[in-house]
């Protein structure tokens, strides 16, 4: 009888402990690309500026490369809105150098924090002028070192890498349209 009570007491304690662990809540921090906080007067329609985000970058959690073969999607550090929506909004605001007459598609292959403390943004793009059959294509890879540890620094560096990528594309598009 005494052994039965000890066993029941031990099992009950274990159940209470496990229940406490499984119901333990954690805070979720949401992030948005900082440059999206700036007000913008002009916007190109989404039909003229398209962003396609690859599967790896389309997760709600921020992506971290742990080493050459291991990747981690953060559970507590997430995008406030899907990254594809943020980048779509961004490109509609930033790529105005041709008065929205051409068609630009940007494909995002990489958007992550690397194990060597860099923000990495990479992909490819295609721009087609509306007034001609001229098309220009290109690729981009930007690596920006993190200025501090942590997710806020990573998001700021990713934002900076994205803006550098947009500058690269903008220069190529501008040279094509004669600007």
Protein backbone atom coordinates (compact mmCIF):
# COMPACT_ATOMS: atom_id res chain seq x y z
CA UNK A 1 0.00 0.00 0.00
CA UNK A 2 2.82 2.38 0.92
CA UNK A 3 4.60 1.61 -2.40
CA UNK A 4 1.36 2.23 -4.30
CA UNK A 5 1.01 5.73 -2.73
CA UNK A 6 4.64 6.56 -3.51
CA UNK A 7 4.17 5.40 -7.09
CA UNK A 8 0.92 7.37 -7.47
CA UNK A 9 2.58 10.43 -5.91
CA UNK A 10 5.56 10.15 -8.26
CA UNK A 11 3.37 9.74 -11.34
CA UNK A 12 1.17 12.67 -10.26
CA UNK A 13 4.23 14.90 -9.76
CA UNK A 14 5.59 13.94 -13.17
CA UNK A 15 2.24 14.69 -14.85
CA UNK A 16 1.99 18.11 -13.17
CA UNK A 17 5.59 18.90 -14.14
CA UNK A 18 5.07 17.89 -17.78
CA UNK A 19 1.78 19.79 -17.98
CA UNK A 20 3.56 22.90 -16.71
CA UNK A 21 6.29 22.51 -19.32
CA UNK A 22 3.88 22.00 -22.20
CA UNK A 23 1.70 24.96 -21.28
CA UNK A 24 4.66 27.28 -20.79
CA UNK A 25 4.06 30.27 -23.01
CA UNK A 26 6.68 32.31 -24.79
CA UNK A 27 6.58 35.75 -26.27
CA UNK A 28 6.56 36.14 -30.02
CA UNK A 29 8.37 39.20 -31.33
CA UNK A 30 7.32 40.45 -34.75
CA UNK A 31 9.54 42.40 -37.13
CA UNK A 32 9.04 44.62 -40.12
CA UNK A 33 11.62 46.02 -42.50
CA UNK A 34 12.54 49.47 -41.09
CA UNK A 35 12.40 51.41 -44.35
CA UNK A 36 8.69 50.58 -44.67
CA UNK A 37 8.01 53.06 -41.85
CA UNK A 38 8.91 55.97 -44.14
CA UNK A 39 6.04 57.68 -45.89
CA UNK A 40 5.99 57.54 -49.68
CA UNK A 41 4.04 59.73 -52.08
CA UNK A 42 4.13 57.54 -55.19
CA UNK A 43 3.49 53.84 -55.66
CA UNK A 44 3.72 51.66 -58.77
CA UNK A 45 0.90 49.15 -59.16
CA UNK A 46 1.70 45.58 -58.18
CA UNK A 47 0.97 44.49 -61.75
CA UNK A 48 4.06 46.49 -62.83
CA UNK A 49 6.31 45.50 -59.90
CA UNK A 50 6.20 41.88 -58.85
CA UNK A 51 8.16 40.08 -56.13
CA UNK A 52 8.34 36.30 -55.93
CA UNK A 53 9.77 34.91 -52.70
CA UNK A 54 11.24 31.42 -52.72
CA UNK A 55 10.10 28.74 -50.31
CA UNK A 56 13.00 29.13 -47.87
CA UNK A 57 12.36 32.86 -47.43
CA UNK A 58 8.58 32.58 -47.34
CA UNK A 59 8.33 31.21 -43.80
CA UNK A 60 6.92 33.46 -41.06
CA UNK A 61 9.94 32.88 -38.83
CA UNK A 62 13.19 34.67 -39.60
CA UNK A 63 15.70 32.31 -41.23
CA UNK A 64 19.11 31.67 -39.69
CA UNK A 65 21.91 29.63 -41.23
CA UNK A 66 23.60 27.76 -38.37
CA UNK A 67 26.48 26.31 -40.41
CA UNK A 68 27.03 25.12 -43.96
CA UNK A 69 24.30 22.46 -43.76
CA UNK A 70 21.90 23.39 -40.93
CA UNK A 71 19.16 26.01 -41.05
CA UNK A 72 16.79 27.27 -38.38
CA UNK A 73 13.45 29.03 -38.66
CA UNK A 74 12.85 31.15 -35.59
CA UNK A 75 9.66 30.35 -33.71
CA UNK A 76 9.58 33.44 -31.50
CA UNK A 77 11.04 35.96 -33.99
CA UNK A 78 8.67 36.30 -36.93
CA UNK A 79 7.80 38.71 -39.68
CA UNK A 80 4.83 40.93 -38.71
CA UNK A 81 3.35 40.33 -42.15
CA UNK A 82 4.63 37.79 -44.67
CA UNK A 83 8.02 38.79 -46.04
CA UNK A 84 6.64 38.58 -49.58
CA UNK A 85 4.08 41.29 -48.73
CA UNK A 86 6.74 43.55 -47.21
CA UNK A 87 9.06 43.16 -50.21
CA UNK A 88 6.17 43.67 -52.65
CA UNK A 89 5.20 46.91 -50.92
CA UNK A 90 8.82 47.98 -50.84
CA UNK A 91 9.46 47.44 -54.53
CA UNK A 92 6.29 49.33 -55.44
CA UNK A 93 7.64 52.32 -53.49
CA UNK A 94 11.31 52.13 -54.43
CA UNK A 95 11.34 51.34 -58.14
CA UNK A 96 9.82 54.50 -59.59
CA UNK A 97 12.67 55.61 -61.87
CA UNK A 98 10.80 54.73 -65.07
CA UNK A 99 7.42 56.19 -64.05
CA UNK A 100 6.07 52.65 -63.62
CA UNK A 101 5.86 52.08 -67.36
CA UNK A 102 8.00 48.93 -67.48
CA UNK A 103 7.43 45.52 -65.92
CA UNK A 104 9.81 44.36 -63.19
CA UNK A 105 9.85 40.93 -61.57
CA UNK A 106 12.23 40.20 -58.71
CA UNK A 107 12.72 36.63 -57.48
CA UNK A 108 14.10 36.33 -53.95
CA UNK A 109 16.14 33.17 -53.46
CA UNK A 110 17.83 34.04 -50.14
CA UNK A 111 16.84 36.33 -47.27
CA UNK A 112 18.54 35.15 -44.06
CA UNK A 113 21.11 35.63 -41.34
CA UNK A 114 24.31 33.68 -42.00
CA UNK A 115 26.44 31.84 -39.49
CA UNK A 116 29.27 34.34 -40.09
CA UNK A 117 27.13 37.26 -38.81
CA UNK A 118 25.95 38.68 -42.11
CA UNK A 119 22.55 39.40 -43.56
CA UNK A 120 22.26 37.79 -46.99
CA UNK A 121 19.82 38.80 -49.71
CA UNK A 122 20.12 37.19 -53.13
CA UNK A 123 18.04 36.53 -56.19
CA UNK A 124 17.49 37.47 -59.79
CA UNK A 125 15.33 39.90 -61.69
CA UNK A 126 13.90 40.74 -65.09
CA UNK A 127 12.80 44.11 -66.41
CA UNK A 128 10.86 44.62 -69.61
CA UNK A 129 10.34 48.09 -71.04
CA UNK A 130 6.74 48.82 -71.96
CA UNK A 131 7.63 50.78 -75.10
CA UNK A 132 9.86 48.15 -76.69
CA UNK A 133 10.73 44.52 -76.74
CA UNK A 134 13.91 45.13 -74.77
CA UNK A 135 14.37 42.99 -71.69
CA UNK A 136 17.23 43.07 -69.25
CA UNK A 137 17.98 40.45 -66.60
CA UNK A 138 20.35 40.30 -63.73
CA UNK A 139 21.26 38.71 -60.45
CA UNK A 140 22.08 40.21 -57.09
CA UNK A 141 23.77 39.06 -53.91
CA UNK A 142 24.23 41.40 -50.99
CA UNK A 143 25.96 40.52 -47.73
CA UNK A 144 25.80 43.14 -44.98
CA UNK A 145 27.65 42.56 -41.69
CA UNK A 146 25.54 42.73 -38.54
CA UNK A 147 26.37 45.75 -36.35
CA UNK A 148 25.32 43.92 -33.17
CA UNK A 149 24.02 40.57 -32.00
CA UNK A 150 20.33 39.74 -32.01
CA UNK A 151 17.29 39.73 -34.24
CA UNK A 152 16.77 43.53 -34.34
CA UNK A 153 20.30 43.94 -35.74
CA UNK A 154 19.67 41.13 -38.23
CA UNK A 155 16.43 42.69 -39.47
CA UNK A 156 18.16 46.07 -39.89
CA UNK A 157 21.01 44.44 -41.84
CA UNK A 158 18.53 42.50 -44.02
CA UNK A 159 16.75 45.79 -44.72
CA UNK A 160 20.05 47.40 -45.70
CA UNK A 161 20.96 44.46 -47.97
CA UNK A 162 17.53 44.64 -49.63
CA UNK A 163 17.90 48.38 -50.24
CA UNK A 164 21.37 47.79 -51.78
CA UNK A 165 19.80 45.16 -54.04
CA UNK A 166 17.11 47.60 -55.12
CA UNK A 167 19.82 50.20 -55.90
CA UNK A 168 21.63 47.66 -58.09
CA UNK A 169 18.45 46.85 -60.00
CA UNK A 170 17.48 50.51 -60.24
CA UNK A 171 20.84 51.41 -61.81
CA UNK A 172 20.49 48.65 -64.40
CA UNK A 173 16.89 49.62 -65.21
CA UNK A 174 17.86 53.30 -65.38
CA UNK A 175 20.67 52.61 -67.85
CA UNK A 176 18.28 50.61 -70.03
CA UNK A 177 15.66 53.33 -70.15
CA UNK A 178 18.21 56.05 -70.85
CA UNK A 179 18.08 57.82 -67.46
